[in-house]
Amino acid sequence: MTPLPRIMIEPAVRAALLEDLGRAGDITAEAVIPDDTRAAVAFVAREPGTIAGLGCAAIAFDLLDPSLALDILIPDGGAVAPGDVIARIEGKARAILSAERTALNFLGQLSGVATATAGIAAAIAHTGARITCTRKTIPGLRALQKYAVRCGGGANHRFGLDDAVLIKDNHIAIAGGAGLAVRRARAAVGHLVKIECEVDRLDQLAEALEAGADAVLLDNMDPATLRRAVAMAKGRAITEASGRITPESAPAIAETGVDLISAGWLTHSARVLDIGLDFMT
């Protein structure tokens, strides 16, 4: 997995460290640990999962002490089992302790996203569908969470409101119909901008396809309806299924022939992966 460039990661990590260090710094570490004390620690997996966020952890340590040495053993995108050593850090103990929680917060949250994504990706691997995320991300962490989705074997949806047109149900209701909304979008945006239209009925789908939508978001359709929708859109538009997707429901949805399955919970509700920072003896 190609890591995100530092310039994209550092602002979020710096903000998290500033939040944690407050106005006086780590008064516990400074009071308890002599300045010249050195330590060696390791990130250790407590449960199975997929890793993401090591770049954030590395920057957290580097910002507090650039002399800290980080050795990554299992990179982002790698699978871990309980007890696996993910990375080792060695250097001044104060800096390690002060950066520990920020590093673990990023690593645990992003690895949780990657792990959740990997679970659905594995469940639909026998089909041609791909799992993708949405804009339902933690504010300020979108780029990182979408990177974590890629670490888990998923694909990214649009990053924001400015890189693709996605006509949702409220747009359609206000505009006066799916077909009209798609035609207005086509007339307004540049030739490189893709247009996707959300539909929850087959008659809406027909309107969107007739108007020339590049992709259709098939929302909350049962597998039988999805199969009909895929047949209607074949060769005309990319198909994306959404609506309460779970690892249990994903296989049946993927088997309908849809191109993509999107799930907002991958980023807004994925459980943190349990990773600890253990001192090495």
C-alpha atoms as a PDB file:
ATOM      1  CA  MET A   1       0.000   0.000   0.000  1.00  0.00           C
ATOM      2  CA  THR A   2       1.478   3.359  -1.027  1.00  0.00           C
ATOM      3  CA  PRO A   3       1.467   5.576   2.096  1.00  0.00           C
ATOM      4  CA  LEU A   4      -0.048   9.026   2.124  1.00  0.00           C
ATOM      5  CA  PRO A   5       2.515  11.831   1.825  1.00  0.00           C
ATOM      6  CA  ARG A   6       3.521  13.441   5.103  1.00  0.00           C
ATOM      7  CA  ILE A   7       2.084  16.820   4.075  1.00  0.00           C
ATOM      8  CA  MET A   8      -1.420  15.263   4.094  1.00  0.00           C
ATOM      9  CA  ILE A   9      -1.010  13.556   7.480  1.00  0.00           C
ATOM     10  CA  GLU A  10       0.979  15.933   9.628  1.00  0.00           C
ATOM     11  CA  PRO A  11      -1.701  18.617  10.248  1.00  0.00           C
ATOM     12  CA  ALA A  12      -4.086  16.068  11.811  1.00  0.00           C
ATOM     13  CA  VAL A  13      -1.359  14.486  13.925  1.00  0.00           C
ATOM     14  CA  ARG A  14       0.013  17.856  15.016  1.00  0.00           C
ATOM     15  CA  ALA A  15      -3.496  18.982  16.045  1.00  0.00           C
ATOM     16  CA  ALA A  16      -3.992  15.783  18.050  1.00  0.00           C
ATOM     17  CA  LEU A  17      -0.679  16.228  19.868  1.00  0.00           C
ATOM     18  CA  LEU A  18      -1.485  19.857  20.669  1.00  0.00           C
ATOM     19  CA  GLU A  19      -4.858  18.767  22.034  1.00  0.00           C
ATOM     20  CA  ASP A  20      -3.173  16.184  24.278  1.00  0.00           C
ATOM     21  CA  LEU A  21      -0.209  18.257  25.442  1.00  0.00           C
ATOM     22  CA  GLY A  22      -2.386  21.230  26.318  1.00  0.00           C
ATOM     23  CA  ARG A  23      -0.731  24.276  27.886  1.00  0.00           C
ATOM     24  CA  ALA A  24       1.985  22.624  29.978  1.00  0.00           C
ATOM     25  CA  GLY A  25       3.035  19.488  28.146  1.00  0.00           C
ATOM     26  CA  ASP A  26       3.161  15.971  29.595  1.00  0.00           C
ATOM     27  CA  ILE A  27       3.561  16.833  33.259  1.00  0.00           C
ATOM     28  CA  THR A  28       3.410  13.167  34.271  1.00  0.00           C
ATOM     29  CA  ALA A  29       6.304  11.999  32.088  1.00  0.00           C
ATOM     30  CA  GLU A  30       8.385  15.042  32.973  1.00  0.00           C
ATOM     31  CA  ALA A  31       7.835  14.503  36.689  1.00  0.00           C
ATOM     32  CA  VAL A  32       8.386  10.750  36.756  1.00  0.00           C
ATOM     33  CA  ILE A  33      10.932   9.975  34.022  1.00  0.00           C
ATOM     34  CA  PRO A  34      14.467  11.445  34.050  1.00  0.00           C
ATOM     35  CA  ASP A  35      15.274  13.303  30.825  1.00  0.00           C
ATOM     36  CA  ASP A  36      18.068  10.938  29.765  1.00  0.00           C
ATOM     37  CA  THR A  37      16.083   7.705  30.256  1.00  0.00           C
ATOM     38  CA  ARG A  38      15.834   5.555  27.134  1.00  0.00           C
ATOM     39  CA  ALA A  39      13.330   2.826  26.325  1.00  0.00           C
ATOM     40  CA  ALA A  40      12.395   0.309  23.647  1.00  0.00           C
ATOM     41  CA  VAL A  41       8.713  -0.384  22.963  1.00  0.00           C
ATOM     42  CA  ALA A  42       6.610  -2.248  20.435  1.00  0.00           C
ATOM     43  CA  PHE A  43       3.162  -1.922  18.916  1.00  0.00           C
ATOM     44  CA  VAL A  44       1.540  -5.323  19.489  1.00  0.00           C
ATOM     45  CA  ALA A  45      -1.753  -6.586  18.060  1.00  0.00           C
ATOM     46  CA  ARG A  46      -4.240  -7.785  20.667  1.00  0.00           C
ATOM     47  CA  GLU A  47      -6.650  -9.251  18.100  1.00  0.00           C
ATOM     48  CA  PRO A  48      -6.746 -10.220  14.400  1.00  0.00           C
ATOM     49  CA  GLY A  49      -7.066  -7.401  11.900  1.00  0.00           C
ATOM     50  CA  THR A  50      -5.629  -5.307   9.094  1.00  0.00           C
ATOM     51  CA  ILE A  51      -3.194  -2.501   9.803  1.00  0.00           C
ATOM     52  CA  ALA A  52      -3.520   1.142   8.740  1.00  0.00           C
ATOM     53  CA  GLY A  53      -2.174   4.368  10.205  1.00  0.00           C
ATOM     54  CA  LEU A  54       1.489   3.643  10.831  1.00  0.00           C
ATOM     55  CA  GLY A  55       2.388   6.875   9.051  1.00  0.00           C
ATOM     56  CA  CYS A  56       0.398   8.826  11.630  1.00  0.00           C
ATOM     57  CA  ALA A  57       2.095   6.995  14.486  1.00  0.00           C
ATOM     58  CA  ALA A  58       5.521   7.642  12.975  1.00  0.00           C
ATOM     59  CA  ILE A  59       4.819  11.371  12.633  1.00  0.00           C
ATOM     60  CA  ALA A  60       3.548  11.590  16.232  1.00  0.00           C
ATOM     61  CA  PHE A  61       6.840  10.241  17.538  1.00  0.00           C
ATOM     62  CA  ASP A  62       8.918  12.268  15.088  1.00  0.00           C
ATOM     63  CA  LEU A  63       7.239  15.560  16.009  1.00  0.00           C
ATOM     64  CA  LEU A  64       8.097  15.073  19.678  1.00  0.00           C
ATOM     65  CA  ASP A  65      11.607  13.712  19.112  1.00  0.00           C
ATOM     66  CA  PRO A  66      13.094  13.263  15.628  1.00  0.00           C
ATOM     67  CA  SER A  67      15.830  11.056  17.092  1.00  0.00           C
ATOM     68  CA  LEU A  68      13.369   8.258  17.941  1.00  0.00           C
ATOM     69  CA  ALA A  69      13.987   5.172  15.784  1.00  0.00           C
ATOM     70  CA  LEU A  70      10.925   3.424  14.301  1.00  0.00           C
ATOM     71  CA  ASP A  71      11.195  -0.022  12.736  1.00  0.00           C
ATOM     72  CA  ILE A  72       8.021  -1.185  10.956  1.00  0.00           C
ATOM     73  CA  LEU A  73       7.649  -4.967  10.793  1.00  0.00           C
ATOM     74  CA  ILE A  74       4.096  -5.240   9.413  1.00  0.00           C
ATOM     75  CA  PRO A  75       3.217  -2.362   7.055  1.00  0.00           C
ATOM     76  CA  ASP A  76      -0.137  -0.753   6.374  1.00  0.00           C
ATOM     77  CA  GLY A  77      -2.400  -3.229   4.608  1.00  0.00           C
ATOM     78  CA  GLY A  78      -0.800  -6.170   6.381  1.00  0.00           C
ATOM     79  CA  ALA A  79      -2.798  -8.732   8.336  1.00  0.00           C
ATOM     80  CA  VAL A  80      -2.041  -9.375  12.009  1.00  0.00           C
ATOM     81  CA  ALA A  81      -2.843 -12.037  14.565  1.00  0.00           C
ATOM     82  CA  PRO A  82      -2.911 -11.618  18.353  1.00  0.00           C
ATOM     83  CA  GLY A  83       0.627 -11.129  19.653  1.00  0.00           C
ATOM     84  CA  ASP A  84       2.128  -9.966  16.367  1.00  0.00           C
ATOM     85  CA  VAL A  85       4.669  -7.168  16.709  1.00  0.00           C
ATOM     86  CA  ILE A  86       3.695  -4.443  14.239  1.00  0.00           C
ATOM     87  CA  ALA A  87       6.532  -1.977  14.842  1.00  0.00           C
ATOM     88  CA  ARG A  88       9.282  -1.154  17.337  1.00  0.00           C
ATOM     89  CA  ILE A  89      10.279   2.277  18.654  1.00  0.00           C
ATOM     90  CA  GLU A  90      13.470   3.091  20.535  1.00  0.00           C
ATOM     91  CA  GLY A  91      14.780   6.324  22.051  1.00  0.00           C
ATOM     92  CA  LYS A  92      14.066   8.803  24.830  1.00  0.00           C
ATOM     93  CA  ALA A  93      11.341   7.448  27.104  1.00  0.00           C
ATOM     94  CA  ARG A  94       9.640  10.801  27.759  1.00  0.00           C
ATOM     95  CA  ALA A  95       8.917  11.420  24.083  1.00  0.00           C
ATOM     96  CA  ILE A  96       7.696   7.849  23.589  1.00  0.00           C
ATOM     97  CA  LEU A  97       5.279   8.137  26.512  1.00  0.00           C
ATOM     98  CA  SER A  98       4.029  11.575  25.444  1.00  0.00           C
ATOM     99  CA  ALA A  99       3.298  10.457  21.875  1.00  0.00           C
ATOM    100  CA  GLU A 100       1.916   7.030  22.842  1.00  0.00           C
ATOM    101  CA  ARG A 101      -1.791   7.855  23.062  1.00  0.00           C
ATOM    102  CA  THR A 102      -1.907   9.983  19.924  1.00  0.00           C
ATOM    103  CA  ALA A 103      -0.083   7.291  17.966  1.00  0.00           C
ATOM    104  CA  LEU A 104      -2.384   4.545  19.279  1.00  0.00           C
ATOM    105  CA  ASN A 105      -5.536   6.598  18.658  1.00  0.00           C
ATOM    106  CA  PHE A 106      -4.704   6.984  14.978  1.00  0.00           C
ATOM    107  CA  LEU A 107      -3.388   3.446  14.567  1.00  0.00           C
ATOM    108  CA  GLY A 108      -6.332   1.786  16.337  1.00  0.00           C
ATOM    109  CA  GLN A 109      -9.043   3.827  14.613  1.00  0.00           C
ATOM    110  CA  LEU A 110      -7.609   3.513  11.106  1.00  0.00           C
ATOM    111  CA  SER A 111      -6.795  -0.169  11.558  1.00  0.00           C
ATOM    112  CA  GLY A 112     -10.405  -0.652  12.657  1.00  0.00           C
ATOM    113  CA  VAL A 113     -11.589   0.884   9.374  1.00  0.00           C
ATOM    114  CA  ALA A 114      -9.183  -1.287   7.395  1.00  0.00           C
ATOM    115  CA  THR A 115     -10.257  -4.401   9.281  1.00  0.00           C
ATOM    116  CA  ALA A 116     -13.966  -3.749   8.729  1.00  0.00           C
ATOM    117  CA  THR A 117     -13.331  -3.142   5.042  1.00  0.00           C
ATOM    118  CA  ALA A 118     -11.260  -6.297   4.716  1.00  0.00           C
ATOM    119  CA  GLY A 119     -14.078  -8.313   6.258  1.00  0.00           C
ATOM    120  CA  ILE A 120     -16.589  -7.263   3.610  1.00  0.00           C
ATOM    121  CA  ALA A 121     -13.993  -7.463   0.829  1.00  0.00           C
ATOM    122  CA  ALA A 122     -13.386 -11.095   1.780  1.00  0.00           C
ATOM    123  CA  ALA A 123     -17.118 -11.823   1.956  1.00  0.00           C
ATOM    124  CA  ILE A 124     -17.669 -10.646  -1.649  1.00  0.00           C
ATOM    125  CA  ALA A 125     -14.362 -11.816  -3.136  1.00  0.00           C
ATOM    126  CA  HIS A 126     -16.157 -14.514  -5.153  1.00  0.00           C
ATOM    127  CA  THR A 127     -18.023 -11.814  -7.107  1.00  0.00           C
ATOM    128  CA  GLY A 128     -16.968  -8.928  -9.319  1.00  0.00           C
ATOM    129  CA  ALA A 129     -18.222  -6.296  -6.862  1.00  0.00           C
ATOM    130  CA  ARG A 130     -16.020  -3.996  -4.800  1.00  0.00           C
ATOM    131  CA  ILE A 131     -16.686  -2.470  -1.409  1.00  0.00           C
ATOM    132  CA  THR A 132     -16.446   1.321  -1.211  1.00  0.00           C
ATOM    133  CA  CYS A 133     -16.753   3.987   1.469  1.00  0.00           C
ATOM    134  CA  THR A 134     -18.791   7.211   1.616  1.00  0.00           C
ATOM    135  CA  ARG A 135     -18.460  10.788   2.911  1.00  0.00           C
ATOM    136  CA  LYS A 136     -19.693   9.662   6.348  1.00  0.00           C
ATOM    137  CA  THR A 137     -16.267  10.231   7.869  1.00  0.00           C
ATOM    138  CA  ILE A 138     -14.926  11.732  11.097  1.00  0.00           C
ATOM    139  CA  PRO A 139     -14.509  15.477  10.391  1.00  0.00           C
ATOM    140  CA  GLY A 140     -10.909  16.294   9.587  1.00  0.00           C
ATOM    141  CA  LEU A 141      -9.899  12.664   9.062  1.00  0.00           C
ATOM    142  CA  ARG A 142     -11.480  11.929   5.680  1.00  0.00           C
ATOM    143  CA  ALA A 143      -8.260  11.437   3.705  1.00  0.00           C
ATOM    144  CA  LEU A 144      -6.880   9.158   6.412  1.00  0.00           C
ATOM    145  CA  GLN A 145     -10.054   7.098   6.712  1.00  0.00           C
ATOM    146  CA  LYS A 146     -10.360   6.700   2.960  1.00  0.00           C
ATOM    147  CA  TYR A 147      -6.719   5.603   2.889  1.00  0.00           C
ATOM    148  CA  ALA A 148      -7.564   3.015   5.561  1.00  0.00           C
ATOM    149  CA  VAL A 149     -10.380   1.712   3.355  1.00  0.00           C
ATOM    150  CA  ARG A 150      -7.834   1.147   0.594  1.00  0.00           C
ATOM    151  CA  CYS A 151      -5.556  -0.627   3.077  1.00  0.00           C
ATOM    152  CA  GLY A 152      -8.444  -3.031   3.716  1.00  0.00           C
ATOM    153  CA  GLY A 153      -8.896  -3.813   0.034  1.00  0.00           C
ATOM    154  CA  GLY A 154     -11.758  -1.401  -0.617  1.00  0.00           C
ATOM    155  CA  ALA A 155     -12.253   1.395  -3.118  1.00  0.00           C
ATOM    156  CA  ASN A 156     -12.866   5.087  -2.515  1.00  0.00           C
ATOM    157  CA  HIS A 157     -16.034   6.976  -3.394  1.00  0.00           C
ATOM    158  CA  ARG A 158     -15.826  10.731  -4.034  1.00  0.00           C
ATOM    159  CA  PHE A 159     -13.699  12.659  -1.535  1.00  0.00           C
ATOM    160  CA  GLY A 160     -15.959  15.714  -1.324  1.00  0.00           C
ATOM    161  CA  LEU A 161     -18.707  17.744  -2.887  1.00  0.00           C
ATOM    162  CA  ASP A 162     -16.355  19.100  -5.532  1.00  0.00           C
ATOM    163  CA  ASP A 163     -15.003  16.051  -7.347  1.00  0.00           C
ATOM    164  CA  ALA A 164     -18.161  14.333  -8.606  1.00  0.00           C
ATOM    165  CA  VAL A 165     -21.905  14.940  -8.891  1.00  0.00           C
ATOM    166  CA  LEU A 166     -24.029  12.705  -6.673  1.00  0.00           C
ATOM    167  CA  ILE A 167     -27.727  13.509  -6.998  1.00  0.00           C
ATOM    168  CA  LYS A 168     -29.407  12.274  -3.816  1.00  0.00           C
ATOM    169  CA  ASP A 169     -33.065  11.853  -2.928  1.00  0.00           C
ATOM    170  CA  ASN A 170     -33.383  15.391  -1.560  1.00  0.00           C
ATOM    171  CA  HIS A 171     -31.881  16.848  -4.745  1.00  0.00           C
ATOM    172  CA  ILE A 172     -34.423  14.880  -6.766  1.00  0.00           C
ATOM    173  CA  ALA A 173     -37.342  15.948  -4.588  1.00  0.00           C
ATOM    174  CA  ILE A 174     -36.430  19.638  -4.853  1.00  0.00           C
ATOM    175  CA  ALA A 175     -35.461  19.492  -8.544  1.00  0.00           C
ATOM    176  CA  GLY A 176     -38.682  17.744  -9.538  1.00  0.00           C
ATOM    177  CA  GLY A 177     -37.460  14.350 -10.730  1.00  0.00           C
ATOM    178  CA  ALA A 178     -34.434  12.151 -11.330  1.00  0.00           C
ATOM    179  CA  GLY A 179     -34.300  12.684 -15.074  1.00  0.00           C
ATOM    180  CA  LEU A 180     -34.574  16.451 -14.778  1.00  0.00           C
ATOM    181  CA  ALA A 181     -31.869  16.563 -12.104  1.00  0.00           C
ATOM    182  CA  VAL A 182     -29.459  14.520 -14.231  1.00  0.00           C
ATOM    183  CA  ARG A 183     -30.072  16.679 -17.302  1.00  0.00           C
ATOM    184  CA  ARG A 184     -29.464  19.860 -15.311  1.00  0.00           C
ATOM    185  CA  ALA A 185     -26.240  18.437 -13.917  1.00  0.00           C
ATOM    186  CA  ARG A 186     -25.063  17.379 -17.368  1.00  0.00           C
ATOM    187  CA  ALA A 187     -25.620  20.895 -18.678  1.00  0.00           C
ATOM    188  CA  ALA A 188     -23.818  22.516 -15.749  1.00  0.00           C
ATOM    189  CA  VAL A 189     -20.628  20.525 -15.159  1.00  0.00           C
ATOM    190  CA  GLY A 190     -17.502  19.918 -17.186  1.00  0.00           C
ATOM    191  CA  HIS A 191     -16.971  16.944 -19.456  1.00  0.00           C
ATOM    192  CA  LEU A 192     -14.610  15.227 -16.993  1.00  0.00           C
ATOM    193  CA  VAL A 193     -17.078  15.280 -14.091  1.00  0.00           C
ATOM    194  CA  LYS A 194     -19.001  12.053 -13.533  1.00  0.00           C
ATOM    195  CA  ILE A 195     -22.689  12.151 -12.615  1.00  0.00           C
ATOM    196  CA  GLU A 196     -24.265   9.594 -10.278  1.00  0.00           C
ATOM    197  CA  CYS A 197     -27.950   9.528  -9.373  1.00  0.00           C
ATOM    198  CA  GLU A 198     -29.516   7.845  -6.351  1.00  0.00           C
ATOM    199  CA  VAL A 199     -32.697   5.888  -7.036  1.00  0.00           C
ATOM    200  CA  ASP A 200     -34.861   3.621  -4.925  1.00  0.00           C
ATOM    201  CA  ARG A 201     -37.387   2.554  -7.577  1.00  0.00           C
ATOM    202  CA  LEU A 202     -37.046   1.073 -11.028  1.00  0.00           C
ATOM    203  CA  ASP A 203     -39.041   3.872 -12.648  1.00  0.00           C
ATOM    204  CA  GLN A 204     -36.566   6.396 -11.180  1.00  0.00           C
ATOM    205  CA  LEU A 205     -33.742   4.253 -12.509  1.00  0.00           C
ATOM    206  CA  ALA A 206     -35.228   4.343 -16.000  1.00  0.00           C
ATOM    207  CA  GLU A 207     -35.418   8.148 -15.812  1.00  0.00           C
ATOM    208  CA  ALA A 208     -31.809   8.485 -14.666  1.00  0.00           C
ATOM    209  CA  LEU A 209     -30.534   6.129 -17.355  1.00  0.00           C
ATOM    210  CA  GLU A 210     -32.500   7.870 -20.085  1.00  0.00           C
ATOM    211  CA  ALA A 211     -31.051  11.204 -18.970  1.00  0.00           C
ATOM    212  CA  GLY A 212     -27.516   9.833 -19.263  1.00  0.00           C
ATOM    213  CA  ALA A 213     -26.314   9.229 -15.692  1.00  0.00           C
ATOM    214  CA  ASP A 214     -22.803   7.752 -15.572  1.00  0.00           C
ATOM    215  CA  ALA A 215     -23.572   5.790 -12.414  1.00  0.00           C
ATOM    216  CA  VAL A 216     -26.654   4.890 -10.403  1.00  0.00           C
ATOM    217  CA  LEU A 217     -26.866   4.458  -6.650  1.00  0.00           C
ATOM    218  CA  LEU A 218     -29.419   1.713  -5.994  1.00  0.00           C
ATOM    219  CA  ASP A 219     -30.605   2.475  -2.486  1.00  0.00           C
ATOM    220  CA  ASN A 220     -32.219  -0.068  -0.155  1.00  0.00           C
ATOM    221  CA  MET A 221     -33.296  -2.455  -2.910  1.00  0.00           C
ATOM    222  CA  ASP A 222     -33.775  -6.140  -2.146  1.00  0.00           C
ATOM    223  CA  PRO A 223     -31.676  -8.630  -4.134  1.00  0.00           C
ATOM    224  CA  ALA A 224     -34.469  -9.450  -6.576  1.00  0.00           C
ATOM    225  CA  THR A 225     -35.001  -5.787  -7.423  1.00  0.00           C
ATOM    226  CA  LEU A 226     -31.256  -5.244  -7.605  1.00  0.00           C
ATOM    227  CA  ARG A 227     -30.966  -7.952 -10.248  1.00  0.00           C
ATOM    228  CA  ARG A 228     -33.585  -6.207 -12.374  1.00  0.00           C
ATOM    229  CA  ALA A 229     -31.845  -2.871 -11.860  1.00  0.00           C
ATOM    230  CA  VAL A 230     -28.461  -4.298 -12.874  1.00  0.00           C
ATOM    231  CA  ALA A 231     -30.000  -5.743 -16.026  1.00  0.00           C
ATOM    232  CA  MET A 232     -31.543  -2.371 -16.898  1.00  0.00           C
ATOM    233  CA  ALA A 233     -28.264  -0.502 -16.362  1.00  0.00           C
ATOM    234  CA  LYS A 234     -25.949  -3.020 -18.030  1.00  0.00           C
ATOM    235  CA  GLY A 235     -23.740  -1.286 -20.566  1.00  0.00           C
ATOM    236  CA  ARG A 236     -25.255   2.090 -19.706  1.00  0.00           C
ATOM    237  CA  ALA A 237     -24.103   2.992 -16.194  1.00  0.00           C
ATOM    238  CA  ILE A 238     -22.026   1.807 -13.243  1.00  0.00           C
ATOM    239  CA  THR A 239     -24.213   0.285 -10.529  1.00  0.00           C
ATOM    240  CA  GLU A 240     -23.736   0.859  -6.813  1.00  0.00           C
ATOM    241  CA  ALA A 241     -25.816  -0.751  -4.072  1.00  0.00           C
ATOM    242  CA  SER A 242     -26.240   0.895  -0.682  1.00  0.00           C
ATOM    243  CA  GLY A 243     -28.381   0.697   2.422  1.00  0.00           C
ATOM    244  CA  ARG A 244     -27.563  -1.109   5.675  1.00  0.00           C
ATOM    245  CA  ILE A 245     -24.811  -3.262   4.172  1.00  0.00           C
ATOM    246  CA  THR A 246     -23.341  -5.794   6.607  1.00  0.00           C
ATOM    247  CA  PRO A 247     -20.800  -8.610   6.208  1.00  0.00           C
ATOM    248  CA  GLU A 248     -23.770 -10.993   6.361  1.00  0.00           C
ATOM    249  CA  SER A 249     -25.891  -9.239   3.725  1.00  0.00           C
ATOM    250  CA  ALA A 250     -23.061  -8.206   1.403  1.00  0.00           C
ATOM    251  CA  PRO A 251     -22.588 -11.552  -0.432  1.00  0.00           C
ATOM    252  CA  ALA A 252     -26.216 -11.768  -1.613  1.00  0.00           C
ATOM    253  CA  ILE A 253     -26.097  -8.136  -2.729  1.00  0.00           C
ATOM    254  CA  ALA A 254     -22.796  -8.620  -4.575  1.00  0.00           C
ATOM    255  CA  GLU A 255     -24.152 -11.729  -6.298  1.00  0.00           C
ATOM    256  CA  THR A 256     -26.803  -9.599  -8.045  1.00  0.00           C
ATOM    257  CA  GLY A 257     -24.060  -8.310 -10.341  1.00  0.00           C
ATOM    258  CA  VAL A 258     -23.668  -4.761  -8.976  1.00  0.00           C
ATOM    259  CA  ASP A 259     -20.303  -3.123  -9.593  1.00  0.00           C
ATOM    260  CA  LEU A 260     -19.975  -1.489  -6.180  1.00  0.00           C
ATOM    261  CA  ILE A 261     -21.338  -1.796  -2.657  1.00  0.00           C
ATOM    262  CA  SER A 262     -21.071   1.266  -0.428  1.00  0.00           C
ATOM    263  CA  ALA A 263     -21.213   1.297   3.365  1.00  0.00           C
ATOM    264  CA  GLY A 264     -21.009   4.431   5.490  1.00  0.00           C
ATOM    265  CA  TRP A 265     -20.401   2.540   8.723  1.00  0.00           C
ATOM    266  CA  LEU A 266     -16.934   1.525   7.561  1.00  0.00           C
ATOM    267  CA  THR A 267     -15.759   5.007   8.471  1.00  0.00           C
ATOM    268  CA  HIS A 268     -18.327   6.390  10.918  1.00  0.00           C
ATOM    269  CA  SER A 269     -18.792   3.331  13.134  1.00  0.00           C
ATOM    270  CA  ALA A 270     -15.999   0.802  12.609  1.00  0.00           C
ATOM    271  CA  ARG A 271     -14.749  -0.616  15.899  1.00  0.00           C
ATOM    272  CA  VAL A 272     -11.222   0.360  16.908  1.00  0.00           C
ATOM    273  CA  LEU A 273      -8.697  -2.450  16.492  1.00  0.00           C
ATOM    274  CA  ASP A 274      -7.104  -3.322  19.833  1.00  0.00           C
ATOM    275  CA  ILE A 275      -3.387  -2.534  19.607  1.00  0.00           C
ATOM    276  CA  GLY A 276      -1.114  -2.003  22.588  1.00  0.00           C
ATOM    277  CA  LEU A 277       2.266  -0.378  23.157  1.00  0.00           C
ATOM    278  CA  ASP A 278       4.378  -2.792  25.195  1.00  0.00           C
ATOM    279  CA  PHE A 279       7.763  -2.109  26.749  1.00  0.00           C
ATOM    280  CA  MET A 280      10.431  -4.523  25.596  1.00  0.00           C
ATOM    281  CA  THR A 281      12.735  -6.144  28.121  1.00  0.00           C
END
